[in-house]
N, C-alpha and C. Protein backbone atom coordinates (compact mmCIF):
# COMPACT_ATOMS: atom_id res chain seq x y z
N MET A 1 0.81 -1.19 0.00
CA MET A 1 0.00 0.00 0.00
C MET A 1 0.86 1.26 0.00
N SER A 2 2.09 1.14 0.51
CA SER A 2 2.94 2.32 0.57
C SER A 2 3.53 2.68 -0.79
N ARG A 3 3.41 1.81 -1.77
CA ARG A 3 3.95 2.10 -3.09
C ARG A 3 3.07 3.09 -3.86
N VAL A 4 1.78 3.11 -3.58
CA VAL A 4 0.87 4.00 -4.30
C VAL A 4 1.22 5.47 -4.07
N PRO A 5 1.44 5.93 -2.84
CA PRO A 5 1.84 7.33 -2.67
C PRO A 5 3.18 7.64 -3.36
N ASN A 6 4.12 6.69 -3.37
CA ASN A 6 5.40 6.91 -4.03
C ASN A 6 5.22 7.05 -5.54
N ILE A 7 4.36 6.22 -6.12
CA ILE A 7 4.10 6.30 -7.56
C ILE A 7 3.41 7.62 -7.90
N LEU A 8 2.44 8.01 -7.10
CA LEU A 8 1.75 9.27 -7.33
C LEU A 8 2.70 10.46 -7.18
N ALA A 9 3.54 10.44 -6.15
CA ALA A 9 4.50 11.53 -5.96
C ALA A 9 5.49 11.60 -7.12
N SER A 10 5.91 10.46 -7.61
CA SER A 10 6.82 10.42 -8.76
C SER A 10 6.14 10.97 -10.01
N PHE A 11 4.89 10.61 -10.20
CA PHE A 11 4.12 11.10 -11.35
C PHE A 11 3.96 12.62 -11.30
N LEU A 12 3.61 13.15 -10.13
CA LEU A 12 3.44 14.60 -9.98
C LEU A 12 4.76 15.34 -10.14
N THR A 13 5.85 14.75 -9.68
CA THR A 13 7.16 15.37 -9.87
C THR A 13 7.51 15.44 -11.35
N GLY A 14 7.21 14.38 -12.08
CA GLY A 14 7.44 14.38 -13.52
C GLY A 14 6.59 15.41 -14.24
N LEU A 15 5.34 15.56 -13.81
CA LEU A 15 4.47 16.58 -14.41
C LEU A 15 5.02 17.98 -14.18
N ARG A 16 5.47 18.24 -12.97
CA ARG A 16 6.03 19.57 -12.68
C ARG A 16 7.30 19.82 -13.48
N ARG A 17 8.12 18.82 -13.62
CA ARG A 17 9.38 18.96 -14.34
C ARG A 17 9.16 19.23 -15.83
N ASP A 18 8.14 18.62 -16.41
CA ASP A 18 7.88 18.76 -17.84
C ASP A 18 6.82 19.81 -18.15
N ARG A 19 6.61 20.74 -17.27
CA ARG A 19 5.54 21.73 -17.45
C ARG A 19 5.70 22.53 -18.74
N ASP A 20 6.92 22.80 -19.15
CA ASP A 20 7.13 23.58 -20.38
C ASP A 20 6.79 22.80 -21.64
N ARG A 21 6.59 21.51 -21.52
CA ARG A 21 6.23 20.67 -22.68
C ARG A 21 4.75 20.34 -22.77
N TRP A 22 3.97 20.81 -21.82
CA TRP A 22 2.54 20.51 -21.83
C TRP A 22 1.85 21.01 -23.08
N VAL A 23 2.32 22.13 -23.61
CA VAL A 23 1.68 22.72 -24.78
C VAL A 23 1.72 21.75 -25.98
N LEU A 24 2.66 20.84 -26.00
CA LEU A 24 2.75 19.88 -27.09
C LEU A 24 1.59 18.89 -27.10
N TRP A 25 0.90 18.76 -25.98
CA TRP A 25 -0.23 17.84 -25.90
C TRP A 25 -1.54 18.48 -26.36
N LEU A 26 -1.59 19.79 -26.52
CA LEU A 26 -2.85 20.46 -26.87
C LEU A 26 -3.41 19.99 -28.22
N PRO A 27 -2.61 19.84 -29.28
CA PRO A 27 -3.18 19.30 -30.53
C PRO A 27 -3.72 17.88 -30.38
N VAL A 28 -3.12 17.11 -29.48
CA VAL A 28 -3.62 15.75 -29.24
C VAL A 28 -5.01 15.80 -28.63
N PHE A 29 -5.21 16.69 -27.66
CA PHE A 29 -6.54 16.83 -27.05
C PHE A 29 -7.55 17.38 -28.06
N PHE A 30 -7.11 18.32 -28.91
CA PHE A 30 -8.00 18.87 -29.93
C PHE A 30 -8.45 17.78 -30.90
N GLY A 31 -7.51 16.98 -31.38
CA GLY A 31 -7.84 15.88 -32.29
C GLY A 31 -8.69 14.82 -31.63
N THR A 32 -8.45 14.57 -30.35
CA THR A 32 -9.28 13.62 -29.62
C THR A 32 -10.71 14.13 -29.51
N GLY A 33 -10.88 15.44 -29.32
CA GLY A 33 -12.22 16.02 -29.28
C GLY A 33 -12.95 15.82 -30.60
N ILE A 34 -12.24 16.00 -31.71
CA ILE A 34 -12.85 15.77 -33.03
C ILE A 34 -13.24 14.31 -33.18
N ALA A 35 -12.36 13.41 -32.76
CA ALA A 35 -12.67 11.97 -32.85
C ALA A 35 -13.85 11.61 -31.97
N VAL A 36 -13.94 12.22 -30.79
CA VAL A 36 -15.08 11.96 -29.90
C VAL A 36 -16.37 12.40 -30.57
N TYR A 37 -16.36 13.57 -31.21
CA TYR A 37 -17.57 14.06 -31.87
C TYR A 37 -18.04 13.06 -32.93
N PHE A 38 -17.12 12.60 -33.77
CA PHE A 38 -17.52 11.70 -34.84
C PHE A 38 -17.81 10.29 -34.33
N GLY A 39 -17.46 10.00 -33.09
CA GLY A 39 -17.79 8.72 -32.49
C GLY A 39 -19.15 8.72 -31.79
N LEU A 40 -19.76 9.88 -31.67
CA LEU A 40 -21.07 9.96 -31.01
C LEU A 40 -22.14 9.31 -31.89
N ARG A 41 -23.11 8.71 -31.26
CA ARG A 41 -24.19 8.07 -32.00
C ARG A 41 -25.32 9.03 -32.34
N ALA A 42 -25.37 10.17 -31.67
CA ALA A 42 -26.43 11.15 -31.92
C ALA A 42 -25.84 12.55 -31.77
N GLU A 43 -26.49 13.50 -32.41
CA GLU A 43 -26.05 14.89 -32.30
C GLU A 43 -26.33 15.41 -30.89
N LEU A 44 -25.43 16.24 -30.43
CA LEU A 44 -25.62 16.89 -29.14
C LEU A 44 -26.57 18.07 -29.30
N PRO A 45 -27.30 18.44 -28.26
CA PRO A 45 -28.09 19.67 -28.35
C PRO A 45 -27.17 20.86 -28.62
N TRP A 46 -27.67 21.88 -29.26
CA TRP A 46 -26.83 22.99 -29.71
C TRP A 46 -26.12 23.71 -28.57
N TRP A 47 -26.69 23.72 -27.39
CA TRP A 47 -26.15 24.50 -26.29
C TRP A 47 -25.03 23.78 -25.53
N ILE A 48 -24.87 22.48 -25.78
CA ILE A 48 -23.84 21.72 -25.06
C ILE A 48 -22.44 22.18 -25.46
N ASP A 49 -22.21 22.36 -26.76
CA ASP A 49 -20.87 22.71 -27.22
C ASP A 49 -20.38 24.05 -26.66
N PRO A 50 -21.13 25.14 -26.86
CA PRO A 50 -20.63 26.40 -26.29
C PRO A 50 -20.60 26.39 -24.76
N GLY A 51 -21.52 25.69 -24.15
CA GLY A 51 -21.52 25.60 -22.69
C GLY A 51 -20.29 24.88 -22.17
N ALA A 52 -19.91 23.80 -22.83
CA ALA A 52 -18.71 23.05 -22.41
C ALA A 52 -17.45 23.88 -22.64
N VAL A 53 -17.39 24.60 -23.76
CA VAL A 53 -16.21 25.43 -24.03
C VAL A 53 -16.10 26.56 -23.00
N ILE A 54 -17.21 27.19 -22.68
CA ILE A 54 -17.19 28.28 -21.70
C ILE A 54 -16.80 27.75 -20.32
N ALA A 55 -17.38 26.63 -19.91
CA ALA A 55 -17.07 26.06 -18.60
C ALA A 55 -15.60 25.63 -18.53
N ALA A 56 -15.11 24.97 -19.58
CA ALA A 56 -13.72 24.53 -19.58
C ALA A 56 -12.77 25.72 -19.65
N GLY A 57 -13.15 26.75 -20.40
CA GLY A 57 -12.33 27.96 -20.47
C GLY A 57 -12.24 28.65 -19.13
N LEU A 58 -13.34 28.73 -18.42
CA LEU A 58 -13.35 29.33 -17.09
C LEU A 58 -12.50 28.51 -16.12
N ALA A 59 -12.62 27.20 -16.18
CA ALA A 59 -11.81 26.34 -15.31
C ALA A 59 -10.32 26.48 -15.64
N ALA A 60 -9.98 26.55 -16.93
CA ALA A 60 -8.59 26.71 -17.33
C ALA A 60 -8.05 28.06 -16.88
N TYR A 61 -8.87 29.10 -16.97
CA TYR A 61 -8.43 30.43 -16.53
C TYR A 61 -8.19 30.46 -15.02
N LEU A 62 -9.09 29.85 -14.27
CA LEU A 62 -8.96 29.87 -12.82
C LEU A 62 -7.81 29.00 -12.33
N ALA A 63 -7.48 27.94 -13.07
CA ALA A 63 -6.43 27.02 -12.65
C ALA A 63 -5.11 27.25 -13.37
N ARG A 64 -4.95 28.37 -14.05
CA ARG A 64 -3.79 28.58 -14.91
C ARG A 64 -2.46 28.59 -14.17
N LYS A 65 -2.43 28.94 -12.92
CA LYS A 65 -1.18 29.02 -12.15
C LYS A 65 -0.90 27.75 -11.34
N THR A 66 -1.78 26.78 -11.40
CA THR A 66 -1.61 25.57 -10.60
C THR A 66 -1.22 24.39 -11.48
N LEU A 67 -0.93 23.29 -10.83
CA LEU A 67 -0.60 22.07 -11.56
C LEU A 67 -1.79 21.55 -12.34
N ALA A 68 -2.99 21.81 -11.86
CA ALA A 68 -4.20 21.37 -12.56
C ALA A 68 -4.48 22.20 -13.80
N GLY A 69 -3.78 23.30 -13.97
CA GLY A 69 -4.00 24.17 -15.13
C GLY A 69 -3.73 23.47 -16.45
N GLY A 70 -2.69 22.64 -16.50
CA GLY A 70 -2.40 21.91 -17.73
C GLY A 70 -3.52 20.97 -18.11
N GLY A 71 -4.05 20.28 -17.14
CA GLY A 71 -5.19 19.39 -17.40
C GLY A 71 -6.42 20.16 -17.81
N ALA A 72 -6.61 21.32 -17.20
CA ALA A 72 -7.77 22.15 -17.55
C ALA A 72 -7.65 22.66 -18.99
N PHE A 73 -6.45 23.03 -19.41
CA PHE A 73 -6.28 23.47 -20.80
C PHE A 73 -6.45 22.30 -21.76
N GLY A 74 -6.06 21.10 -21.35
CA GLY A 74 -6.32 19.91 -22.17
C GLY A 74 -7.80 19.65 -22.34
N ILE A 75 -8.55 19.78 -21.26
CA ILE A 75 -10.01 19.61 -21.32
C ILE A 75 -10.63 20.70 -22.20
N LEU A 76 -10.09 21.93 -22.10
CA LEU A 76 -10.57 23.03 -22.94
C LEU A 76 -10.35 22.69 -24.41
N MET A 77 -9.18 22.19 -24.76
CA MET A 77 -8.92 21.84 -26.16
C MET A 77 -9.80 20.68 -26.61
N LEU A 78 -10.09 19.74 -25.72
CA LEU A 78 -11.00 18.64 -26.04
C LEU A 78 -12.39 19.20 -26.34
N ALA A 79 -12.87 20.13 -25.52
CA ALA A 79 -14.19 20.73 -25.74
C ALA A 79 -14.20 21.55 -27.02
N ILE A 80 -13.11 22.27 -27.31
CA ILE A 80 -13.03 23.05 -28.55
C ILE A 80 -13.03 22.12 -29.75
N GLY A 81 -12.37 20.98 -29.66
CA GLY A 81 -12.38 20.01 -30.76
C GLY A 81 -13.78 19.46 -31.03
N ILE A 82 -14.50 19.12 -29.97
CA ILE A 82 -15.86 18.62 -30.12
C ILE A 82 -16.76 19.71 -30.71
N ALA A 83 -16.66 20.92 -30.16
CA ALA A 83 -17.50 22.02 -30.65
C ALA A 83 -17.15 22.40 -32.09
N GLY A 84 -15.87 22.41 -32.40
CA GLY A 84 -15.44 22.74 -33.75
C GLY A 84 -15.93 21.74 -34.78
N ALA A 85 -15.83 20.46 -34.46
CA ALA A 85 -16.31 19.43 -35.38
C ALA A 85 -17.82 19.51 -35.53
N GLY A 86 -18.52 19.78 -34.43
CA GLY A 86 -19.98 19.92 -34.51
C GLY A 86 -20.40 21.11 -35.34
N PHE A 87 -19.70 22.23 -35.15
CA PHE A 87 -20.02 23.42 -35.94
C PHE A 87 -19.73 23.17 -37.42
N TRP A 88 -18.59 22.58 -37.70
CA TRP A 88 -18.22 22.34 -39.09
C TRP A 88 -19.20 21.37 -39.75
N ALA A 89 -19.60 20.34 -39.05
CA ALA A 89 -20.55 19.38 -39.62
C ALA A 89 -21.91 20.03 -39.86
N ALA A 90 -22.36 20.89 -38.96
CA ALA A 90 -23.65 21.54 -39.14
C ALA A 90 -23.60 22.61 -40.23
N TRP A 91 -22.48 23.29 -40.35
CA TRP A 91 -22.37 24.39 -41.30
C TRP A 91 -22.10 23.91 -42.72
N SER A 92 -21.31 22.85 -42.86
CA SER A 92 -20.86 22.45 -44.19
C SER A 92 -21.85 21.59 -44.95
N ALA A 93 -22.62 20.79 -44.28
CA ALA A 93 -23.50 19.86 -44.99
C ALA A 93 -24.86 19.77 -44.32
N PRO A 94 -25.69 20.79 -44.48
CA PRO A 94 -27.03 20.67 -43.91
C PRO A 94 -27.83 19.58 -44.62
N ILE A 95 -28.60 18.87 -43.87
CA ILE A 95 -29.39 17.77 -44.40
C ILE A 95 -30.83 18.23 -44.56
N GLU A 96 -31.37 17.97 -45.72
CA GLU A 96 -32.79 18.26 -45.93
C GLU A 96 -33.57 16.97 -45.67
N TRP A 97 -34.22 16.93 -44.53
CA TRP A 97 -34.95 15.74 -44.13
C TRP A 97 -36.21 15.55 -44.97
N SER A 98 -36.69 16.61 -45.58
CA SER A 98 -37.93 16.49 -46.36
C SER A 98 -37.73 15.63 -47.61
N ASN A 99 -36.53 15.57 -48.13
CA ASN A 99 -36.27 14.77 -49.33
C ASN A 99 -35.94 13.33 -49.02
N MET A 100 -35.81 13.00 -47.75
CA MET A 100 -35.48 11.63 -47.36
C MET A 100 -36.73 10.98 -46.77
N ASN A 101 -36.79 9.72 -46.88
CA ASN A 101 -37.90 8.98 -46.31
C ASN A 101 -37.55 8.57 -44.88
N VAL A 102 -37.32 9.58 -44.06
CA VAL A 102 -36.95 9.34 -42.66
C VAL A 102 -37.93 10.11 -41.80
N SER A 103 -38.47 9.46 -40.81
CA SER A 103 -39.38 10.15 -39.90
C SER A 103 -38.56 10.86 -38.85
N THR A 104 -38.89 12.12 -38.60
CA THR A 104 -38.13 12.89 -37.60
C THR A 104 -38.89 13.01 -36.32
């Protein structure tokens, strides 16, 4: 049981040491957000995307000076990826349901 605190302390020390490299993970979180959007089985309500971006942005702003700030910016980029993919999908290819034999 005493190994768990040592592993956690080692992990946090590594995070603090590599703080200047956290920015390299932001495109990964952005791309993961896009992949999450296209992996959804149904469209999200329109208000979820901007709400998630605003909430994640506020959390990232409030945590910017702490160790949790890097994770908060990662979550922000994930939310921006999901919102960006949703906006692009809605803007680029609107579907006319009236021409399809699909009940809405």
